[in-house]
Amino acid sequence: MPREMHRWVIDSIADHVAVIEVDGAAMVRLPQWMLPRRATEGQVLHAKHEVDRNGQRSVLTIEIDEVATAAAIDASNAQVDAIRKASAPHDPGGDVKL
């Protein structure tokens, strides 16, 4: 069976529909029931797609990747911290006054 591996990130889940970022590019919508039961927003998933030799059967295996999820959260937190530090000289913080 030829096999393809893909990295999915759960962008959002609402009304039993998940919005998934596929390989850092396309966004797709899937019924939530297709995902692992413990899947939540922000998690990284590994999707393995296999097709049999005669093209009559397609199998999709979706697994939560806890290590990749933790790394993605750490990278996101670091990015937010860097933005805060860069904007600190120009933004005193506090309430916005109109």
PDB file of N, CA and C in Angstrom:
ATOM      1  N   MET A   1       0.829  -1.184   0.000  1.00  0.00           N
ATOM      2  CA  MET A   1       0.000   0.000   0.000  1.00  0.00           C
ATOM      3  C   MET A   1       0.871   1.245   0.000  1.00  0.00           C
ATOM      4  N   PRO A   2       0.708   2.133  -0.966  1.00  0.00           N
ATOM      5  CA  PRO A   2       1.400   3.424  -0.900  1.00  0.00           C
ATOM      6  C   PRO A   2       0.878   4.213   0.304  1.00  0.00           C
ATOM      7  N   ARG A   3       1.784   4.924   0.978  1.00  0.00           N
ATOM      8  CA  ARG A   3       1.414   5.631   2.191  1.00  0.00           C
ATOM      9  C   ARG A   3       1.824   7.092   2.102  1.00  0.00           C
ATOM     10  N   GLU A   4       0.967   7.959   2.589  1.00  0.00           N
ATOM     11  CA  GLU A   4       1.257   9.390   2.696  1.00  0.00           C
ATOM     12  C   GLU A   4       1.082   9.791   4.155  1.00  0.00           C
ATOM     13  N   MET A   5       1.994  10.639   4.656  1.00  0.00           N
ATOM     14  CA  MET A   5       1.872  11.173   6.012  1.00  0.00           C
ATOM     15  C   MET A   5       1.589  12.665   5.925  1.00  0.00           C
ATOM     16  N   HIS A   6       0.693  13.139   6.767  1.00  0.00           N
ATOM     17  CA  HIS A   6       0.333  14.548   6.782  1.00  0.00           C
ATOM     18  C   HIS A   6       0.288  15.051   8.218  1.00  0.00           C
ATOM     19  N   ARG A   7       0.595  16.344   8.368  1.00  0.00           N
ATOM     20  CA  ARG A   7       0.522  17.008   9.673  1.00  0.00           C
ATOM     21  C   ARG A   7      -0.736  17.860   9.675  1.00  0.00           C
ATOM     22  N   TRP A   8      -1.616  17.567  10.599  1.00  0.00           N
ATOM     23  CA  TRP A   8      -2.841  18.331  10.754  1.00  0.00           C
ATOM     24  C   TRP A   8      -2.794  19.091  12.071  1.00  0.00           C
ATOM     25  N   VAL A   9      -3.354  20.292  12.081  1.00  0.00           N
ATOM     26  CA  VAL A   9      -3.512  21.055  13.319  1.00  0.00           C
ATOM     27  C   VAL A   9      -4.983  21.443  13.412  1.00  0.00           C
ATOM     28  N   ILE A  10      -5.588  21.161  14.556  1.00  0.00           N
ATOM     29  CA  ILE A  10      -7.002  21.488  14.749  1.00  0.00           C
ATOM     30  C   ILE A  10      -7.112  22.973  15.052  1.00  0.00           C
ATOM     31  N   ASP A  11      -7.692  23.711  14.124  1.00  0.00           N
ATOM     32  CA  ASP A  11      -7.867  25.158  14.288  1.00  0.00           C
ATOM     33  C   ASP A  11      -9.057  25.448  15.194  1.00  0.00           C
ATOM     34  N   SER A  12     -10.171  24.793  14.926  1.00  0.00           N
ATOM     35  CA  SER A  12     -11.367  25.025  15.732  1.00  0.00           C
ATOM     36  C   SER A  12     -12.306  23.836  15.614  1.00  0.00           C
ATOM     37  N   ILE A  13     -13.174  23.726  16.618  1.00  0.00           N
ATOM     38  CA  ILE A  13     -14.247  22.728  16.597  1.00  0.00           C
ATOM     39  C   ILE A  13     -15.506  23.435  17.067  1.00  0.00           C
ATOM     40  N   ALA A  14     -16.531  23.419  16.234  1.00  0.00           N
ATOM     41  CA  ALA A  14     -17.808  24.035  16.591  1.00  0.00           C
ATOM     42  C   ALA A  14     -18.933  23.291  15.881  1.00  0.00           C
ATOM     43  N   ASP A  15     -20.018  23.090  16.583  1.00  0.00           N
ATOM     44  CA  ASP A  15     -21.187  22.413  16.007  1.00  0.00           C
ATOM     45  C   ASP A  15     -20.809  21.079  15.371  1.00  0.00           C
ATOM     46  N   HIS A  16     -19.916  20.350  16.030  1.00  0.00           N
ATOM     47  CA  HIS A  16     -19.480  19.009  15.595  1.00  0.00           C
ATOM     48  C   HIS A  16     -18.737  19.019  14.259  1.00  0.00           C
ATOM     49  N   VAL A  17     -18.173  20.183  13.907  1.00  0.00           N
ATOM     50  CA  VAL A  17     -17.360  20.296  12.690  1.00  0.00           C
ATOM     51  C   VAL A  17     -15.989  20.830  13.107  1.00  0.00           C
ATOM     52  N   ALA A  18     -14.943  20.145  12.639  1.00  0.00           N
ATOM     53  CA  ALA A  18     -13.569  20.564  12.942  1.00  0.00           C
ATOM     54  C   ALA A  18     -12.976  21.243  11.715  1.00  0.00           C
ATOM     55  N   VAL A  19     -12.278  22.355  11.944  1.00  0.00           N
ATOM     56  CA  VAL A  19     -11.534  23.023  10.889  1.00  0.00           C
ATOM     57  C   VAL A  19     -10.075  22.644  11.113  1.00  0.00           C
ATOM     58  N   ILE A  20      -9.474  22.033  10.092  1.00  0.00           N
ATOM     59  CA  ILE A  20      -8.137  21.466  10.192  1.00  0.00           C
ATOM     60  C   ILE A  20      -7.197  22.159   9.212  1.00  0.00           C
ATOM     61  N   GLU A  21      -6.027  22.575   9.707  1.00  0.00           N
ATOM     62  CA  GLU A  21      -4.969  23.074   8.830  1.00  0.00           C
ATOM     63  C   GLU A  21      -4.139  21.862   8.406  1.00  0.00           C
ATOM     64  N   VAL A  22      -4.058  21.635   7.104  1.00  0.00           N
ATOM     65  CA  VAL A  22      -3.358  20.470   6.572  1.00  0.00           C
ATOM     66  C   VAL A  22      -1.993  20.888   6.034  1.00  0.00           C
ATOM     67  N   ASP A  23      -0.951  20.306   6.607  1.00  0.00           N
ATOM     68  CA  ASP A  23       0.425  20.531   6.164  1.00  0.00           C
ATOM     69  C   ASP A  23       0.796  22.013   6.084  1.00  0.00           C
ATOM     70  N   GLY A  24       0.242  22.812   6.992  1.00  0.00           N
ATOM     71  CA  GLY A  24       0.582  24.226   7.045  1.00  0.00           C
ATOM     72  C   GLY A  24       0.026  25.052   5.908  1.00  0.00           C
ATOM     73  N   ALA A  25      -0.906  24.501   5.161  1.00  0.00           N
ATOM     74  CA  ALA A  25      -1.412  25.214   3.986  1.00  0.00           C
ATOM     75  C   ALA A  25      -2.937  25.251   3.984  1.00  0.00           C
ATOM     76  N   ALA A  26      -3.540  24.299   3.369  1.00  0.00           N
ATOM     77  CA  ALA A  26      -4.995  24.289   3.158  1.00  0.00           C
ATOM     78  C   ALA A  26      -5.766  24.091   4.457  1.00  0.00           C
ATOM     79  N   MET A  27      -6.939  24.693   4.521  1.00  0.00           N
ATOM     80  CA  MET A  27      -7.864  24.489   5.630  1.00  0.00           C
ATOM     81  C   MET A  27      -9.011  23.633   5.110  1.00  0.00           C
ATOM     82  N   VAL A  28      -9.345  22.585   5.861  1.00  0.00           N
ATOM     83  CA  VAL A  28     -10.452  21.707   5.471  1.00  0.00           C
ATOM     84  C   VAL A  28     -11.396  21.543   6.657  1.00  0.00           C
ATOM     85  N   ARG A  29     -12.627  21.221   6.349  1.00  0.00           N
ATOM     86  CA  ARG A  29     -13.638  20.957   7.379  1.00  0.00           C
ATOM     87  C   ARG A  29     -13.944  19.469   7.376  1.00  0.00           C
ATOM     88  N   LEU A  30     -14.005  18.913   8.586  1.00  0.00           N
ATOM     89  CA  LEU A  30     -14.315  17.494   8.749  1.00  0.00           C
ATOM     90  C   LEU A  30     -15.348  17.335   9.855  1.00  0.00           C
ATOM     91  N   PRO A  31     -16.178  16.301   9.755  1.00  0.00           N
ATOM     92  CA  PRO A  31     -17.053  16.023  10.890  1.00  0.00           C
ATOM     93  C   PRO A  31     -16.194  15.653  12.102  1.00  0.00           C
ATOM     94  N   GLN A  32     -16.565  16.142  13.254  1.00  0.00           N
ATOM     95  CA  GLN A  32     -15.777  15.899  14.460  1.00  0.00           C
ATOM     96  C   GLN A  32     -15.644  14.406  14.751  1.00  0.00           C
ATOM     97  N   TRP A  33     -16.631  13.604  14.375  1.00  0.00           N
ATOM     98  CA  TRP A  33     -16.579  12.171  14.670  1.00  0.00           C
ATOM     99  C   TRP A  33     -15.428  11.463  13.962  1.00  0.00           C
ATOM    100  N   MET A  34     -14.839  12.082  12.946  1.00  0.00           N
ATOM    101  CA  MET A  34     -13.711  11.466  12.254  1.00  0.00           C
ATOM    102  C   MET A  34     -12.413  11.574  13.052  1.00  0.00           C
ATOM    103  N   LEU A  35     -12.364  12.464  14.023  1.00  0.00           N
ATOM    104  CA  LEU A  35     -11.148  12.701  14.807  1.00  0.00           C
ATOM    105  C   LEU A  35     -11.102  11.772  16.017  1.00  0.00           C
ATOM    106  N   PRO A  36      -9.916  11.574  16.592  1.00  0.00           N
ATOM    107  CA  PRO A  36      -9.846  10.820  17.846  1.00  0.00           C
ATOM    108  C   PRO A  36     -10.742  11.477  18.896  1.00  0.00           C
ATOM    109  N   ARG A  37     -11.325  10.703  19.754  1.00  0.00           N
ATOM    110  CA  ARG A  37     -12.294  11.226  20.724  1.00  0.00           C
ATOM    111  C   ARG A  37     -11.730  12.308  21.625  1.00  0.00           C
ATOM    112  N   ARG A  38     -10.452  12.231  21.963  1.00  0.00           N
ATOM    113  CA  ARG A  38      -9.844  13.222  22.857  1.00  0.00           C
ATOM    114  C   ARG A  38      -9.292  14.429  22.115  1.00  0.00           C
ATOM    115  N   ALA A  39      -9.494  14.514  20.820  1.00  0.00           N
ATOM    116  CA  ALA A  39      -8.934  15.615  20.028  1.00  0.00           C
ATOM    117  C   ALA A  39      -9.594  16.938  20.421  1.00  0.00           C
ATOM    118  N   THR A  40      -8.738  17.976  20.587  1.00  0.00           N
ATOM    119  CA  THR A  40      -9.233  19.303  20.951  1.00  0.00           C
ATOM    120  C   THR A  40      -8.540  20.360  20.091  1.00  0.00           C
ATOM    121  N   GLU A  41      -9.065  21.558  20.141  1.00  0.00           N
ATOM    122  CA  GLU A  41      -8.492  22.674  19.384  1.00  0.00           C
ATOM    123  C   GLU A  41      -7.029  22.871  19.760  1.00  0.00           C
ATOM    124  N   GLY A  42      -6.208  23.146  18.752  1.00  0.00           N
ATOM    125  CA  GLY A  42      -4.798  23.414  18.963  1.00  0.00           C
ATOM    126  C   GLY A  42      -3.911  22.187  18.912  1.00  0.00           C
ATOM    127  N   GLN A  43      -4.491  21.004  18.917  1.00  0.00           N
ATOM    128  CA  GLN A  43      -3.660  19.802  18.904  1.00  0.00           C
ATOM    129  C   GLN A  43      -3.103  19.517  17.514  1.00  0.00           C
ATOM    130  N   VAL A  44      -1.925  18.899  17.522  1.00  0.00           N
ATOM    131  CA  VAL A  44      -1.301  18.447  16.286  1.00  0.00           C
ATOM    132  C   VAL A  44      -1.659  16.974  16.111  1.00  0.00           C
ATOM    133  N   LEU A  45      -2.043  16.636  14.908  1.00  0.00           N
ATOM    134  CA  LEU A  45      -2.404  15.261  14.580  1.00  0.00           C
ATOM    135  C   LEU A  45      -1.510  14.752  13.457  1.00  0.00           C
ATOM    136  N   HIS A  46      -1.277  13.451  13.452  1.00  0.00           N
ATOM    137  CA  HIS A  46      -0.608  12.816  12.321  1.00  0.00           C
ATOM    138  C   HIS A  46      -1.665  12.022  11.582  1.00  0.00           C
ATOM    139  N   ALA A  47      -1.798  12.292  10.301  1.00  0.00           N
ATOM    140  CA  ALA A  47      -2.756  11.571   9.474  1.00  0.00           C
ATOM    141  C   ALA A  47      -1.981  10.718   8.482  1.00  0.00           C
ATOM    142  N   LYS A  48      -2.213   9.420   8.551  1.00  0.00           N
ATOM    143  CA  LYS A  48      -1.557   8.480   7.637  1.00  0.00           C
ATOM    144  C   LYS A  48      -2.609   7.961   6.669  1.00  0.00           C
ATOM    145  N   HIS A  49      -2.355   8.156   5.389  1.00  0.00           N
ATOM    146  CA  HIS A  49      -3.294   7.725   4.359  1.00  0.00           C
ATOM    147  C   HIS A  49      -2.664   6.603   3.546  1.00  0.00           C
ATOM    148  N   GLU A  50      -3.383   5.502   3.431  1.00  0.00           N
ATOM    149  CA  GLU A  50      -2.900   4.363   2.661  1.00  0.00           C
ATOM    150  C   GLU A  50      -3.968   3.952   1.650  1.00  0.00           C
ATOM    151  N   VAL A  51      -3.522   3.619   0.446  1.00  0.00           N
ATOM    152  CA  VAL A  51      -4.416   3.142  -0.612  1.00  0.00           C
ATOM    153  C   VAL A  51      -3.891   1.787  -1.069  1.00  0.00           C
ATOM    154  N   ASP A  52      -4.802   0.795  -1.217  1.00  0.00           N
ATOM    155  CA  ASP A  52      -4.336  -0.522  -1.639  1.00  0.00           C
ATOM    156  C   ASP A  52      -3.872  -0.511  -3.094  1.00  0.00           C
ATOM    157  N   ARG A  53      -3.226  -1.580  -3.494  1.00  0.00           N
ATOM    158  CA  ARG A  53      -2.598  -1.639  -4.815  1.00  0.00           C
ATOM    159  C   ARG A  53      -3.550  -1.387  -5.970  1.00  0.00           C
ATOM    160  N   ASN A  54      -4.765  -1.891  -5.859  1.00  0.00           N
ATOM    161  CA  ASN A  54      -5.702  -1.718  -6.978  1.00  0.00           C
ATOM    162  C   ASN A  54      -6.584  -0.478  -6.824  1.00  0.00           C
ATOM    163  N   GLY A  55      -6.326   0.324  -5.792  1.00  0.00           N
ATOM    164  CA  GLY A  55      -7.055   1.580  -5.623  1.00  0.00           C
ATOM    165  C   GLY A  55      -8.491   1.421  -5.171  1.00  0.00           C
ATOM    166  N   GLN A  56      -8.834   0.252  -4.650  1.00  0.00           N
ATOM    167  CA  GLN A  56     -10.212  -0.007  -4.229  1.00  0.00           C
ATOM    168  C   GLN A  56     -10.480   0.306  -2.758  1.00  0.00           C
ATOM    169  N   ARG A  57      -9.402   0.485  -1.980  1.00  0.00           N
ATOM    170  CA  ARG A  57      -9.576   0.725  -0.550  1.00  0.00           C
ATOM    171  C   ARG A  57      -8.643   1.838  -0.102  1.00  0.00           C
ATOM    172  N   SER A  58      -9.192   2.757   0.687  1.00  0.00           N
ATOM    173  CA  SER A  58      -8.436   3.863   1.253  1.00  0.00           C
ATOM    174  C   SER A  58      -8.596   3.823   2.769  1.00  0.00           C
ATOM    175  N   VAL A  59      -7.466   3.886   3.481  1.00  0.00           N
ATOM    176  CA  VAL A  59      -7.497   3.848   4.945  1.00  0.00           C
ATOM    177  C   VAL A  59      -6.817   5.102   5.478  1.00  0.00           C
ATOM    178  N   LEU A  60      -7.512   5.800   6.367  1.00  0.00           N
ATOM    179  CA  LEU A  60      -6.966   6.997   6.995  1.00  0.00           C
ATOM    180  C   LEU A  60      -6.857   6.744   8.492  1.00  0.00           C
ATOM    181  N   THR A  61      -5.634   6.867   9.035  1.00  0.00           N
ATOM    182  CA  THR A  61      -5.399   6.717  10.464  1.00  0.00           C
ATOM    183  C   THR A  61      -4.986   8.079  11.011  1.00  0.00           C
ATOM    184  N   ILE A  62      -5.700   8.537  12.035  1.00  0.00           N
ATOM    185  CA  ILE A  62      -5.444   9.856  12.613  1.00  0.00           C
ATOM    186  C   ILE A  62      -5.066   9.665  14.077  1.00  0.00           C
ATOM    187  N   GLU A  63      -3.890  10.194  14.454  1.00  0.00           N
ATOM    188  CA  GLU A  63      -3.399  10.050  15.822  1.00  0.00           C
ATOM    189  C   GLU A  63      -3.022  11.407  16.399  1.00  0.00           C
ATOM    190  N   ILE A  64      -3.298  11.598  17.673  1.00  0.00           N
ATOM    191  CA  ILE A  64      -2.871  12.804  18.381  1.00  0.00           C
ATOM    192  C   ILE A  64      -1.375  12.692  18.639  1.00  0.00           C
ATOM    193  N   ASP A  65      -0.640  13.759  18.336  1.00  0.00           N
ATOM    194  CA  ASP A  65       0.804  13.804  18.595  1.00  0.00           C
ATOM    195  C   ASP A  65       1.042  14.754  19.763  1.00  0.00           C
ATOM    196  N   GLU A  66       1.147  14.196  20.966  1.00  0.00           N
ATOM    197  CA  GLU A  66       1.309  15.007  22.177  1.00  0.00           C
ATOM    198  C   GLU A  66       2.618  15.795  22.163  1.00  0.00           C
ATOM    199  N   VAL A  67       3.697  15.189  21.668  1.00  0.00           N
ATOM    200  CA  VAL A  67       5.004  15.853  21.652  1.00  0.00           C
ATOM    201  C   VAL A  67       4.978  17.044  20.699  1.00  0.00           C
ATOM    202  N   ALA A  68       4.434  16.842  19.490  1.00  0.00           N
ATOM    203  CA  ALA A  68       4.352  17.940  18.513  1.00  0.00           C
ATOM    204  C   ALA A  68       3.405  19.029  19.006  1.00  0.00           C
ATOM    205  N   THR A  69       2.342  18.649  19.710  1.00  0.00           N
ATOM    206  CA  THR A  69       1.413  19.639  20.261  1.00  0.00           C
ATOM    207  C   THR A  69       2.115  20.505  21.299  1.00  0.00           C
ATOM    208  N   ALA A  70       2.862  19.884  22.202  1.00  0.00           N
ATOM    209  CA  ALA A  70       3.596  20.635  23.222  1.00  0.00           C
ATOM    210  C   ALA A  70       4.619  21.568  22.582  1.00  0.00           C
ATOM    211  N   ALA A  71       5.307  21.089  21.552  1.00  0.00           N
ATOM    212  CA  ALA A  71       6.297  21.933  20.860  1.00  0.00           C
ATOM    213  C   ALA A  71       5.618  23.113  20.175  1.00  0.00           C
ATOM    214  N   ALA A  72       4.454  22.891  19.573  1.00  0.00           N
ATOM    215  CA  ALA A  72       3.726  23.971  18.902  1.00  0.00           C
ATOM    216  C   ALA A  72       3.259  25.023  19.910  1.00  0.00           C
ATOM    217  N   ILE A  73       2.808  24.578  21.075  1.00  0.00           N
ATOM    218  CA  ILE A  73       2.375  25.517  22.116  1.00  0.00           C
ATOM    219  C   ILE A  73       3.564  26.333  22.622  1.00  0.00           C
ATOM    220  N   ASP A  74       4.691  25.671  22.833  1.00  0.00           N
ATOM    221  CA  ASP A  74       5.896  26.380  23.264  1.00  0.00           C
ATOM    222  C   ASP A  74       6.329  27.428  22.235  1.00  0.00           C
ATOM    223  N   ALA A  75       6.299  27.057  20.950  1.00  0.00           N
ATOM    224  CA  ALA A  75       6.679  27.990  19.881  1.00  0.00           C
ATOM    225  C   ALA A  75       5.717  29.173  19.827  1.00  0.00           C
ATOM    226  N   SER A  76       4.444  28.907  20.004  1.00  0.00           N
ATOM    227  CA  SER A  76       3.448  29.981  19.993  1.00  0.00           C
ATOM    228  C   SER A  76       3.658  30.928  21.170  1.00  0.00           C
ATOM    229  N   ASN A  77       3.903  30.369  22.354  1.00  0.00           N
ATOM    230  CA  ASN A  77       4.153  31.211  23.528  1.00  0.00           C
ATOM    231  C   ASN A  77       5.401  32.065  23.344  1.00  0.00           C
ATOM    232  N   ALA A  78       6.441  31.491  22.757  1.00  0.00           N
ATOM    233  CA  ALA A  78       7.674  32.245  22.514  1.00  0.00           C
ATOM    234  C   ALA A  78       7.424  33.383  21.530  1.00  0.00           C
ATOM    235  N   GLN A  79       6.603  33.123  20.512  1.00  0.00           N
ATOM    236  CA  GLN A  79       6.282  34.156  19.527  1.00  0.00           C
ATOM    237  C   GLN A  79       5.510  35.308  20.178  1.00  0.00           C
ATOM    238  N   VAL A  80       4.541  34.978  21.019  1.00  0.00           N
ATOM    239  CA  VAL A  80       3.755  36.010  21.710  1.00  0.00           C
ATOM    240  C   VAL A  80       4.662  36.823  22.627  1.00  0.00           C
ATOM    241  N   ASP A  81       5.543  36.154  23.355  1.00  0.00           N
ATOM    242  CA  ASP A  81       6.479  36.873  24.242  1.00  0.00           C
ATOM    243  C   ASP A  81       7.385  37.817  23.456  1.00  0.00           C
ATOM    244  N   ALA A  82       7.868  37.365  22.310  1.00  0.00           N
ATOM    245  CA  ALA A  82       8.739  38.209  21.480  1.00  0.00           C
ATOM    246  C   ALA A  82       7.986  39.434  20.976  1.00  0.00           C
ATOM    247  N   ILE A  83       6.745  39.259  20.602  1.00  0.00           N
ATOM    248  CA  ILE A  83       5.934  40.391  20.125  1.00  0.00           C
ATOM    249  C   ILE A  83       5.698  41.379  21.265  1.00  0.00           C
ATOM    250  N   ARG A  84       5.407  40.872  22.455  1.00  0.00           N
ATOM    251  CA  ARG A  84       5.191  41.751  23.609  1.00  0.00           C
ATOM    252  C   ARG A  84       6.450  42.562  23.923  1.00  0.00           C
ATOM    253  N   LYS A  85       7.594  41.894  23.907  1.00  0.00           N
ATOM    254  CA  LYS A  85       8.849  42.584  24.197  1.00  0.00           C
ATOM    255  C   LYS A  85       9.164  43.634  23.138  1.00  0.00           C
ATOM    256  N   ALA A  86       8.891  43.310  21.876  1.00  0.00           N
ATOM    257  CA  ALA A  86       9.174  44.253  20.794  1.00  0.00           C
ATOM    258  C   ALA A  86       8.253  45.465  20.854  1.00  0.00           C
ATOM    259  N   SER A  87       7.021  45.270  21.310  1.00  0.00           N
ATOM    260  CA  SER A  87       6.081  46.392  21.338  1.00  0.00           C
ATOM    261  C   SER A  87       6.149  47.187  22.645  1.00  0.00           C
ATOM    262  N   ALA A  88       6.809  46.666  23.666  1.00  0.00           N
ATOM    263  CA  ALA A  88       6.852  47.339  24.972  1.00  0.00           C
ATOM    264  C   ALA A  88       7.364  48.768  24.917  1.00  0.00           C
ATOM    265  N   PRO A  89       8.406  49.089  24.127  1.00  0.00           N
ATOM    266  CA  PRO A  89       8.866  50.484  24.098  1.00  0.00           C
ATOM    267  C   PRO A  89       7.841  51.455  23.517  1.00  0.00           C
ATOM    268  N   HIS A  90       6.909  50.946  22.711  1.00  0.00           N
ATOM    269  CA  HIS A  90       5.928  51.811  22.055  1.00  0.00           C
ATOM    270  C   HIS A  90       4.543  51.738  22.695  1.00  0.00           C
ATOM    271  N   ASP A  91       4.354  50.762  23.589  1.00  0.00           N
ATOM    272  CA  ASP A  91       3.043  50.538  24.173  1.00  0.00           C
ATOM    273  C   ASP A  91       3.183  50.503  25.698  1.00  0.00           C
ATOM    274  N   PRO A  92       2.706  51.545  26.365  1.00  0.00           N
ATOM    275  CA  PRO A  92       2.843  51.580  27.818  1.00  0.00           C
ATOM    276  C   PRO A  92       1.904  50.603  28.529  1.00  0.00           C
ATOM    277  N   GLY A  93       0.982  50.004  27.805  1.00  0.00           N
ATOM    278  CA  GLY A  93       0.014  49.096  28.423  1.00  0.00           C
ATOM    279  C   GLY A  93      -1.120  49.861  29.031  1.00  0.00           C
ATOM    280  N   GLY A  94      -1.989  49.178  29.747  1.00  0.00           N
ATOM    281  CA  GLY A  94      -3.109  49.821  30.398  1.00  0.00           C
ATOM    282  C   GLY A  94      -4.328  49.916  29.494  1.00  0.00           C
ATOM    283  N   ASP A  95      -5.319  50.656  29.960  1.00  0.00           N
ATOM    284  CA  ASP A  95      -6.555  50.786  29.237  1.00  0.00           C
ATOM    285  C   ASP A  95      -6.426  51.713  28.035  1.00  0.00           C
ATOM    286  N   VAL A  96      -7.238  51.461  27.046  1.00  0.00           N
ATOM    287  CA  VAL A  96      -7.286  52.321  25.860  1.00  0.00           C
ATOM    288  C   VAL A  96      -8.213  53.490  26.167  1.00  0.00           C
ATOM    289  N   LYS A  97      -7.755  54.708  25.901  1.00  0.00           N
ATOM    290  CA  LYS A  97      -8.587  55.892  26.127  1.00  0.00           C
ATOM    291  C   LYS A  97      -8.977  56.470  24.788  1.00  0.00           C
ATOM    292  N   LEU A  98     -10.247  56.642  24.627  1.00  0.00           N
ATOM    293  CA  LEU A  98     -10.768  57.193  23.366  1.00  0.00           C
ATOM    294  C   LEU A  98     -11.136  58.633  23.513  1.00  0.00           C
TER     295      LEU A  98
END
